[in-house]
Amino acid sequence: MDGALLYATPWNHIEAEKFAFEYGWGFYSWVVGMSVNKIVMNAVKKMRNNLKPEDYDRYMTVLTQNWTGLQPIENDVVGPMYGYKTRFDYYKDSTVL
């Protein structure tokens, strides 16, 4: 069975950030984050030859030591991978409103 889940508001990441990470005492952020962590780790492994060795090592360290959910992925992998210093810089550019 296939399905989809809309978690928080995708049109304003900055406004939804607090809700997304704290709702349900952070449980949902953790569950989604652990699933995304596996997906991102597999993608990073496939991109190994296209990444600088220090970037690859940093991403893999974050991903293998991540036990807290989405925040480390967004702040230390996704943001830097696309040239952002923090997840908040990434949120500003990805917010529709």
PDB file of N, CA and C in Angstrom:
ATOM      1  N   MET A   1       0.837  -1.171   0.000  1.00  0.00           N
ATOM      2  CA  MET A   1       0.000   0.000   0.000  1.00  0.00           C
ATOM      3  C   MET A   1       0.886   1.240   0.000  1.00  0.00           C
ATOM      4  N   ASP A   2       0.590   2.192  -0.865  1.00  0.00           N
ATOM      5  CA  ASP A   2       1.320   3.453  -0.927  1.00  0.00           C
ATOM      6  C   ASP A   2       0.542   4.511  -0.172  1.00  0.00           C
ATOM      7  N   GLY A   3       1.247   5.512   0.296  1.00  0.00           N
ATOM      8  CA  GLY A   3       0.582   6.592   1.008  1.00  0.00           C
ATOM      9  C   GLY A   3       1.444   7.824   1.017  1.00  0.00           C
ATOM     10  N   ALA A   4       0.878   8.887   1.513  1.00  0.00           N
ATOM     11  CA  ALA A   4       1.605  10.153   1.611  1.00  0.00           C
ATOM     12  C   ALA A   4       1.287  10.802   2.943  1.00  0.00           C
ATOM     13  N   LEU A   5       2.206  11.600   3.404  1.00  0.00           N
ATOM     14  CA  LEU A   5       2.035  12.285   4.669  1.00  0.00           C
ATOM     15  C   LEU A   5       2.472  13.724   4.498  1.00  0.00           C
ATOM     16  N   LEU A   6       1.608  14.657   4.868  1.00  0.00           N
ATOM     17  CA  LEU A   6       1.961  16.065   4.866  1.00  0.00           C
ATOM     18  C   LEU A   6       2.220  16.440   6.304  1.00  0.00           C
ATOM     19  N   TYR A   7       3.474  16.733   6.604  1.00  0.00           N
ATOM     20  CA  TYR A   7       3.875  17.017   7.981  1.00  0.00           C
ATOM     21  C   TYR A   7       4.257  18.485   8.079  1.00  0.00           C
ATOM     22  N   ALA A   8       3.472  19.269   8.781  1.00  0.00           N
ATOM     23  CA  ALA A   8       3.643  20.712   8.929  1.00  0.00           C
ATOM     24  C   ALA A   8       3.295  21.406   7.613  1.00  0.00           C
ATOM     25  N   THR A   9       3.555  22.685   7.528  1.00  0.00           N
ATOM     26  CA  THR A   9       3.157  23.441   6.347  1.00  0.00           C
ATOM     27  C   THR A   9       4.336  23.641   5.406  1.00  0.00           C
ATOM     28  N   PRO A  10       4.266  23.112   4.195  1.00  0.00           N
ATOM     29  CA  PRO A  10       5.389  23.233   3.274  1.00  0.00           C
ATOM     30  C   PRO A  10       5.524  24.632   2.680  1.00  0.00           C
ATOM     31  N   TRP A  11       4.505  25.473   2.801  1.00  0.00           N
ATOM     32  CA  TRP A  11       4.562  26.786   2.183  1.00  0.00           C
ATOM     33  C   TRP A  11       5.255  27.827   3.057  1.00  0.00           C
ATOM     34  N   ASN A  12       5.483  27.553   4.315  1.00  0.00           N
ATOM     35  CA  ASN A  12       6.228  28.480   5.169  1.00  0.00           C
ATOM     36  C   ASN A  12       7.040  27.684   6.184  1.00  0.00           C
ATOM     37  N   HIS A  13       8.233  27.291   5.806  1.00  0.00           N
ATOM     38  CA  HIS A  13       9.084  26.459   6.653  1.00  0.00           C
ATOM     39  C   HIS A  13       9.484  27.150   7.947  1.00  0.00           C
ATOM     40  N   ILE A  14       9.678  28.453   7.885  1.00  0.00           N
ATOM     41  CA  ILE A  14      10.112  29.176   9.078  1.00  0.00           C
ATOM     42  C   ILE A  14       9.018  29.153  10.137  1.00  0.00           C
ATOM     43  N   GLU A  15       7.791  29.391   9.723  1.00  0.00           N
ATOM     44  CA  GLU A  15       6.662  29.385  10.656  1.00  0.00           C
ATOM     45  C   GLU A  15       6.361  27.973  11.163  1.00  0.00           C
ATOM     46  N   ALA A  16       6.554  26.977  10.323  1.00  0.00           N
ATOM     47  CA  ALA A  16       6.225  25.600  10.683  1.00  0.00           C
ATOM     48  C   ALA A  16       7.343  24.896  11.449  1.00  0.00           C
ATOM     49  N   GLU A  17       8.529  25.474  11.479  1.00  0.00           N
ATOM     50  CA  GLU A  17       9.692  24.810  12.070  1.00  0.00           C
ATOM     51  C   GLU A  17       9.466  24.390  13.520  1.00  0.00           C
ATOM     52  N   LYS A  18       8.974  25.307  14.337  1.00  0.00           N
ATOM     53  CA  LYS A  18       8.758  25.000  15.752  1.00  0.00           C
ATOM     54  C   LYS A  18       7.740  23.864  15.901  1.00  0.00           C
ATOM     55  N   PHE A  19       6.629  23.955  15.176  1.00  0.00           N
ATOM     56  CA  PHE A  19       5.613  22.909  15.242  1.00  0.00           C
ATOM     57  C   PHE A  19       6.177  21.571  14.775  1.00  0.00           C
ATOM     58  N   ALA A  20       6.877  21.584  13.658  1.00  0.00           N
ATOM     59  CA  ALA A  20       7.372  20.343  13.066  1.00  0.00           C
ATOM     60  C   ALA A  20       8.324  19.602  13.988  1.00  0.00           C
ATOM     61  N   PHE A  21       9.159  20.325  14.719  1.00  0.00           N
ATOM     62  CA  PHE A  21      10.145  19.675  15.570  1.00  0.00           C
ATOM     63  C   PHE A  21       9.655  19.402  16.985  1.00  0.00           C
ATOM     64  N   GLU A  22       8.591  20.087  17.418  1.00  0.00           N
ATOM     65  CA  GLU A  22       8.151  19.927  18.803  1.00  0.00           C
ATOM     66  C   GLU A  22       6.816  19.206  18.969  1.00  0.00           C
ATOM     67  N   TYR A  23       6.021  19.104  17.914  1.00  0.00           N
ATOM     68  CA  TYR A  23       4.711  18.468  18.041  1.00  0.00           C
ATOM     69  C   TYR A  23       4.864  17.025  18.523  1.00  0.00           C
ATOM     70  N   GLY A  24       4.031  16.637  19.439  1.00  0.00           N
ATOM     71  CA  GLY A  24       4.095  15.272  19.984  1.00  0.00           C
ATOM     72  C   GLY A  24       5.400  15.030  20.721  1.00  0.00           C
ATOM     73  N   TRP A  25       5.919  16.061  21.373  1.00  0.00           N
ATOM     74  CA  TRP A  25       7.184  15.993  22.112  1.00  0.00           C
ATOM     75  C   TRP A  25       8.350  15.589  21.218  1.00  0.00           C
ATOM     76  N   GLY A  26       8.247  15.921  19.944  1.00  0.00           N
ATOM     77  CA  GLY A  26       9.321  15.633  19.001  1.00  0.00           C
ATOM     78  C   GLY A  26       9.299  14.224  18.430  1.00  0.00           C
ATOM     79  N   PHE A  27       8.301  13.430  18.818  1.00  0.00           N
ATOM     80  CA  PHE A  27       8.252  12.039  18.363  1.00  0.00           C
ATOM     81  C   PHE A  27       8.118  11.933  16.842  1.00  0.00           C
ATOM     82  N   TYR A  28       7.221  12.734  16.246  1.00  0.00           N
ATOM     83  CA  TYR A  28       6.997  12.645  14.807  1.00  0.00           C
ATOM     84  C   TYR A  28       8.222  13.121  14.029  1.00  0.00           C
ATOM     85  N   SER A  29       8.859  14.164  14.527  1.00  0.00           N
ATOM     86  CA  SER A  29      10.093  14.638  13.897  1.00  0.00           C
ATOM     87  C   SER A  29      11.160  13.551  13.952  1.00  0.00           C
ATOM     88  N   TRP A  30      11.213  12.834  15.051  1.00  0.00           N
ATOM     89  CA  TRP A  30      12.198  11.762  15.195  1.00  0.00           C
ATOM     90  C   TRP A  30      11.899  10.611  14.230  1.00  0.00           C
ATOM     91  N   VAL A  31      10.642  10.186  14.178  1.00  0.00           N
ATOM     92  CA  VAL A  31      10.262   9.066  13.305  1.00  0.00           C
ATOM     93  C   VAL A  31      10.529   9.412  11.842  1.00  0.00           C
ATOM     94  N   VAL A  32      10.057  10.572  11.414  1.00  0.00           N
ATOM     95  CA  VAL A  32      10.280  10.987  10.030  1.00  0.00           C
ATOM     96  C   VAL A  32      11.782  11.161   9.781  1.00  0.00           C
ATOM     97  N   GLY A  33      12.469  11.762  10.742  1.00  0.00           N
ATOM     98  CA  GLY A  33      13.908  11.993  10.609  1.00  0.00           C
ATOM     99  C   GLY A  33      14.713  10.717  10.472  1.00  0.00           C
ATOM    100  N   MET A  34      14.364   9.691  11.233  1.00  0.00           N
ATOM    101  CA  MET A  34      15.110   8.433  11.146  1.00  0.00           C
ATOM    102  C   MET A  34      14.885   7.758   9.791  1.00  0.00           C
ATOM    103  N   SER A  35      13.679   7.897   9.257  1.00  0.00           N
ATOM    104  CA  SER A  35      13.413   7.340   7.926  1.00  0.00           C
ATOM    105  C   SER A  35      14.162   8.125   6.850  1.00  0.00           C
ATOM    106  N   VAL A  36      14.101   9.433   6.952  1.00  0.00           N
ATOM    107  CA  VAL A  36      14.805  10.285   5.987  1.00  0.00           C
ATOM    108  C   VAL A  36      16.314  10.079   6.107  1.00  0.00           C
ATOM    109  N   ASN A  37      16.793   9.865   7.314  1.00  0.00           N
ATOM    110  CA  ASN A  37      18.222   9.652   7.538  1.00  0.00           C
ATOM    111  C   ASN A  37      18.740   8.482   6.698  1.00  0.00           C
ATOM    112  N   LYS A  38      17.996   7.378   6.674  1.00  0.00           N
ATOM    113  CA  LYS A  38      18.402   6.215   5.875  1.00  0.00           C
ATOM    114  C   LYS A  38      18.442   6.550   4.382  1.00  0.00           C
ATOM    115  N   ILE A  39      17.437   7.285   3.919  1.00  0.00           N
ATOM    116  CA  ILE A  39      17.358   7.651   2.505  1.00  0.00           C
ATOM    117  C   ILE A  39      18.516   8.565   2.127  1.00  0.00           C
ATOM    118  N   VAL A  40      18.764   9.577   2.959  1.00  0.00           N
ATOM    119  CA  VAL A  40      19.842  10.519   2.677  1.00  0.00           C
ATOM    120  C   VAL A  40      21.203   9.822   2.748  1.00  0.00           C
ATOM    121  N   MET A  41      21.378   8.915   3.709  1.00  0.00           N
ATOM    122  CA  MET A  41      22.647   8.201   3.824  1.00  0.00           C
ATOM    123  C   MET A  41      22.923   7.380   2.562  1.00  0.00           C
ATOM    124  N   ASN A  42      21.923   6.701   2.049  1.00  0.00           N
ATOM    125  CA  ASN A  42      22.104   5.928   0.810  1.00  0.00           C
ATOM    126  C   ASN A  42      22.435   6.844  -0.364  1.00  0.00           C
ATOM    127  N   ALA A  43      21.792   8.017  -0.421  1.00  0.00           N
ATOM    128  CA  ALA A  43      22.071   8.968  -1.507  1.00  0.00           C
ATOM    129  C   ALA A  43      23.491   9.506  -1.395  1.00  0.00           C
ATOM    130  N   VAL A  44      23.929   9.828  -0.189  1.00  0.00           N
ATOM    131  CA  VAL A  44      25.288  10.339   0.010  1.00  0.00           C
ATOM    132  C   VAL A  44      26.321   9.274  -0.378  1.00  0.00           C
ATOM    133  N   LYS A  45      26.052   8.028  -0.023  1.00  0.00           N
ATOM    134  CA  LYS A  45      26.974   6.943  -0.407  1.00  0.00           C
ATOM    135  C   LYS A  45      27.100   6.848  -1.926  1.00  0.00           C
ATOM    136  N   LYS A  46      25.986   7.018  -2.640  1.00  0.00           N
ATOM    137  CA  LYS A  46      26.016   6.957  -4.102  1.00  0.00           C
ATOM    138  C   LYS A  46      26.749   8.156  -4.709  1.00  0.00           C
ATOM    139  N   MET A  47      26.755   9.278  -3.988  1.00  0.00           N
ATOM    140  CA  MET A  47      27.402  10.495  -4.496  1.00  0.00           C
ATOM    141  C   MET A  47      28.861  10.612  -4.072  1.00  0.00           C
ATOM    142  N   ARG A  48      29.385   9.597  -3.419  1.00  0.00           N
ATOM    143  CA  ARG A  48      30.739   9.667  -2.846  1.00  0.00           C
ATOM    144  C   ARG A  48      31.779  10.187  -3.833  1.00  0.00           C
ATOM    145  N   ASN A  49      31.762   9.698  -5.056  1.00  0.00           N
ATOM    146  CA  ASN A  49      32.756  10.099  -6.054  1.00  0.00           C
ATOM    147  C   ASN A  49      32.565  11.534  -6.534  1.00  0.00           C
ATOM    148  N   ASN A  50      31.399  12.109  -6.287  1.00  0.00           N
ATOM    149  CA  ASN A  50      31.111  13.476  -6.725  1.00  0.00           C
ATOM    150  C   ASN A  50      31.284  14.501  -5.612  1.00  0.00           C
ATOM    151  N   LEU A  51      31.581  14.055  -4.404  1.00  0.00           N
ATOM    152  CA  LEU A  51      31.741  14.953  -3.262  1.00  0.00           C
ATOM    153  C   LEU A  51      33.205  15.082  -2.887  1.00  0.00           C
ATOM    154  N   LYS A  52      33.548  16.215  -2.299  1.00  0.00           N
ATOM    155  CA  LYS A  52      34.888  16.356  -1.733  1.00  0.00           C
ATOM    156  C   LYS A  52      34.996  15.360  -0.584  1.00  0.00           C
ATOM    157  N   PRO A  53      36.162  14.733  -0.408  1.00  0.00           N
ATOM    158  CA  PRO A  53      36.302  13.740   0.667  1.00  0.00           C
ATOM    159  C   PRO A  53      35.917  14.281   2.042  1.00  0.00           C
ATOM    160  N   GLU A  54      36.269  15.538   2.331  1.00  0.00           N
ATOM    161  CA  GLU A  54      35.930  16.097   3.644  1.00  0.00           C
ATOM    162  C   GLU A  54      34.423  16.316   3.798  1.00  0.00           C
ATOM    163  N   ASP A  55      33.743  16.663   2.698  1.00  0.00           N
ATOM    164  CA  ASP A  55      32.279  16.806   2.756  1.00  0.00           C
ATOM    165  C   ASP A  55      31.623  15.443   2.963  1.00  0.00           C
ATOM    166  N   TYR A  56      32.088  14.460   2.202  1.00  0.00           N
ATOM    167  CA  TYR A  56      31.542  13.112   2.350  1.00  0.00           C
ATOM    168  C   TYR A  56      31.715  12.612   3.788  1.00  0.00           C
ATOM    169  N   ASP A  57      32.909  12.766   4.333  1.00  0.00           N
ATOM    170  CA  ASP A  57      33.168  12.314   5.710  1.00  0.00           C
ATOM    171  C   ASP A  57      32.288  13.050   6.717  1.00  0.00           C
ATOM    172  N   ARG A  58      32.118  14.366   6.531  1.00  0.00           N
ATOM    173  CA  ARG A  58      31.293  15.141   7.446  1.00  0.00           C
ATOM    174  C   ARG A  58      29.828  14.695   7.372  1.00  0.00           C
ATOM    175  N   TYR A  59      29.304  14.525   6.156  1.00  0.00           N
ATOM    176  CA  TYR A  59      27.914  14.084   5.998  1.00  0.00           C
ATOM    177  C   TYR A  59      27.703  12.700   6.620  1.00  0.00           C
ATOM    178  N   MET A  60      28.628  11.786   6.347  1.00  0.00           N
ATOM    179  CA  MET A  60      28.475  10.430   6.878  1.00  0.00           C
ATOM    180  C   MET A  60      28.585  10.401   8.405  1.00  0.00           C
ATOM    181  N   THR A  61      29.435  11.247   8.963  1.00  0.00           N
ATOM    182  CA  THR A  61      29.540  11.324  10.426  1.00  0.00           C
ATOM    183  C   THR A  61      28.222  11.791  11.020  1.00  0.00           C
ATOM    184  N   VAL A  62      27.653  12.840  10.440  1.00  0.00           N
ATOM    185  CA  VAL A  62      26.368  13.350  10.931  1.00  0.00           C
ATOM    186  C   VAL A  62      25.297  12.272  10.810  1.00  0.00           C
ATOM    187  N   LEU A  63      25.218  11.616   9.682  1.00  0.00           N
ATOM    188  CA  LEU A  63      24.163  10.633   9.430  1.00  0.00           C
ATOM    189  C   LEU A  63      24.315   9.376  10.277  1.00  0.00           C
ATOM    190  N   THR A  64      25.529   8.912  10.501  1.00  0.00           N
ATOM    191  CA  THR A  64      25.707   7.701  11.311  1.00  0.00           C
ATOM    192  C   THR A  64      25.532   7.972  12.799  1.00  0.00           C
ATOM    193  N   GLN A  65      25.729   9.225  13.212  1.00  0.00           N
ATOM    194  CA  GLN A  65      25.586   9.565  14.630  1.00  0.00           C
ATOM    195  C   GLN A  65      24.248  10.228  14.948  1.00  0.00           C
ATOM    196  N   ASN A  66      23.392  10.344  13.968  1.00  0.00           N
ATOM    197  CA  ASN A  66      22.102  11.002  14.169  1.00  0.00           C
ATOM    198  C   ASN A  66      21.119  10.076  14.884  1.00  0.00           C
ATOM    199  N   TRP A  67      20.738  10.463  16.075  1.00  0.00           N
ATOM    200  CA  TRP A  67      19.694   9.744  16.815  1.00  0.00           C
ATOM    201  C   TRP A  67      18.586  10.688  17.242  1.00  0.00           C
ATOM    202  N   THR A  68      18.586  11.917  16.686  1.00  0.00           N
ATOM    203  CA  THR A  68      17.615  12.908  17.135  1.00  0.00           C
ATOM    204  C   THR A  68      16.570  13.287  16.105  1.00  0.00           C
ATOM    205  N   GLY A  69      16.719  12.908  14.853  1.00  0.00           N
ATOM    206  CA  GLY A  69      15.675  13.182  13.872  1.00  0.00           C
ATOM    207  C   GLY A  69      16.085  14.098  12.745  1.00  0.00           C
ATOM    208  N   LEU A  70      15.179  15.009  12.387  1.00  0.00           N
ATOM    209  CA  LEU A  70      15.348  15.840  11.203  1.00  0.00           C
ATOM    210  C   LEU A  70      16.359  16.970  11.331  1.00  0.00           C
ATOM    211  N   GLN A  71      16.475  17.571  12.494  1.00  0.00           N
ATOM    212  CA  GLN A  71      17.315  18.762  12.620  1.00  0.00           C
ATOM    213  C   GLN A  71      18.758  18.567  12.157  1.00  0.00           C
ATOM    214  N   PRO A  72      19.461  17.523  12.591  1.00  0.00           N
ATOM    215  CA  PRO A  72      20.843  17.361  12.112  1.00  0.00           C
ATOM    216  C   PRO A  72      20.935  17.160  10.596  1.00  0.00           C
ATOM    217  N   ILE A  73      19.952  16.490  10.029  1.00  0.00           N
ATOM    218  CA  ILE A  73      19.955  16.261   8.579  1.00  0.00           C
ATOM    219  C   ILE A  73      19.828  17.586   7.844  1.00  0.00           C
ATOM    220  N   GLU A  74      18.854  18.388   8.264  1.00  0.00           N
ATOM    221  CA  GLU A  74      18.624  19.658   7.584  1.00  0.00           C
ATOM    222  C   GLU A  74      19.736  20.662   7.856  1.00  0.00           C
ATOM    223  N   ASN A  75      20.240  20.700   9.075  1.00  0.00           N
ATOM    224  CA  ASN A  75      21.238  21.703   9.440  1.00  0.00           C
ATOM    225  C   ASN A  75      22.645  21.337   8.961  1.00  0.00           C
ATOM    226  N   ASP A  76      23.009  20.061   9.021  1.00  0.00           N
ATOM    227  CA  ASP A  76      24.394  19.660   8.764  1.00  0.00           C
ATOM    228  C   ASP A  76      24.613  18.896   7.461  1.00  0.00           C
ATOM    229  N   VAL A  77      23.541  18.521   6.772  1.00  0.00           N
ATOM    230  CA  VAL A  77      23.708  17.806   5.504  1.00  0.00           C
ATOM    231  C   VAL A  77      23.018  18.560   4.370  1.00  0.00           C
ATOM    232  N   VAL A  78      21.701  18.683   4.428  1.00  0.00           N
ATOM    233  CA  VAL A  78      20.949  19.284   3.325  1.00  0.00           C
ATOM    234  C   VAL A  78      21.338  20.746   3.120  1.00  0.00           C
ATOM    235  N   GLY A  79      21.346  21.528   4.192  1.00  0.00           N
ATOM    236  CA  GLY A  79      21.712  22.936   4.067  1.00  0.00           C
ATOM    237  C   GLY A  79      23.088  23.133   3.434  1.00  0.00           C
ATOM    238  N   PRO A  80      24.143  22.569   4.049  1.00  0.00           N
ATOM    239  CA  PRO A  80      25.490  22.738   3.477  1.00  0.00           C
ATOM    240  C   PRO A  80      25.645  22.149   2.067  1.00  0.00           C
ATOM    241  N   MET A  81      24.958  21.055   1.796  1.00  0.00           N
ATOM    242  CA  MET A  81      25.082  20.418   0.486  1.00  0.00           C
ATOM    243  C   MET A  81      24.639  21.367  -0.628  1.00  0.00           C
ATOM    244  N   TYR A  82      23.687  22.231  -0.305  1.00  0.00           N
ATOM    245  CA  TYR A  82      23.186  23.175  -1.301  1.00  0.00           C
ATOM    246  C   TYR A  82      23.690  24.597  -1.066  1.00  0.00           C
ATOM    247  N   GLY A  83      24.735  24.740  -0.256  1.00  0.00           N
ATOM    248  CA  GLY A  83      25.389  26.024  -0.099  1.00  0.00           C
ATOM    249  C   GLY A  83      24.848  26.924   1.002  1.00  0.00           C
ATOM    250  N   TYR A  84      24.016  26.401   1.878  1.00  0.00           N
ATOM    251  CA  TYR A  84      23.465  27.202   2.975  1.00  0.00           C
ATOM    252  C   TYR A  84      24.267  26.969   4.254  1.00  0.00           C
ATOM    253  N   LYS A  85      24.396  28.030   5.062  1.00  0.00           N
ATOM    254  CA  LYS A  85      25.129  27.905   6.324  1.00  0.00           C
ATOM    255  C   LYS A  85      24.312  27.203   7.391  1.00  0.00           C
ATOM    256  N   THR A  86      23.012  27.475   7.426  1.00  0.00           N
ATOM    257  CA  THR A  86      22.139  26.861   8.430  1.00  0.00           C
ATOM    258  C   THR A  86      20.843  26.431   7.773  1.00  0.00           C
ATOM    259  N   ARG A  87      20.049  25.669   8.511  1.00  0.00           N
ATOM    260  CA  ARG A  87      18.757  25.250   7.966  1.00  0.00           C
ATOM    261  C   ARG A  87      17.824  26.442   7.813  1.00  0.00           C
ATOM    262  N   PHE A  88      18.019  27.502   8.602  1.00  0.00           N
ATOM    263  CA  PHE A  88      17.157  28.672   8.506  1.00  0.00           C
ATOM    264  C   PHE A  88      17.389  29.434   7.199  1.00  0.00           C
ATOM    265  N   ASP A  89      18.627  29.462   6.725  1.00  0.00           N
ATOM    266  CA  ASP A  89      18.902  30.052   5.412  1.00  0.00           C
ATOM    267  C   ASP A  89      18.223  29.229   4.322  1.00  0.00           C
ATOM    268  N   TYR A  90      18.280  27.931   4.465  1.00  0.00           N
ATOM    269  CA  TYR A  90      17.609  27.011   3.534  1.00  0.00           C
ATOM    270  C   TYR A  90      16.096  27.231   3.586  1.00  0.00           C
ATOM    271  N   TYR A  91      15.539  27.372   4.786  1.00  0.00           N
ATOM    272  CA  TYR A  91      14.100  27.599   4.945  1.00  0.00           C
ATOM    273  C   TYR A  91      13.662  28.883   4.257  1.00  0.00           C
ATOM    274  N   LYS A  92      14.449  29.948   4.395  1.00  0.00           N
ATOM    275  CA  LYS A  92      14.087  31.225   3.777  1.00  0.00           C
ATOM    276  C   LYS A  92      13.945  31.087   2.280  1.00  0.00           C
ATOM    277  N   ASP A  93      14.863  30.371   1.644  1.00  0.00           N
ATOM    278  CA  ASP A  93      14.792  30.211   0.193  1.00  0.00           C
ATOM    279  C   ASP A  93      13.753  29.199  -0.250  1.00  0.00           C
ATOM    280  N   SER A  94      13.373  28.282   0.612  1.00  0.00           N
ATOM    281  CA  SER A  94      12.401  27.261   0.202  1.00  0.00           C
ATOM    282  C   SER A  94      10.977  27.589   0.614  1.00  0.00           C
ATOM    283  N   THR A  95      10.790  28.696   1.290  1.00  0.00           N
ATOM    284  CA  THR A  95       9.449  29.108   1.704  1.00  0.00           C
ATOM    285  C   THR A  95       8.724  29.776   0.544  1.00  0.00           C
ATOM    286  N   VAL A  96       7.507  29.363   0.298  1.00  0.00           N
ATOM    287  CA  VAL A  96       6.733  29.870  -0.821  1.00  0.00           C
ATOM    288  C   VAL A  96       6.201  31.276  -0.542  1.00  0.00           C
ATOM    289  N   LEU A  97       5.812  31.525   0.686  1.00  0.00           N
ATOM    290  CA  LEU A  97       5.237  32.834   1.038  1.00  0.00           C
ATOM    291  C   LEU A  97       6.275  33.886   1.242  1.00  0.00           C
TER     292      LEU A  97
END
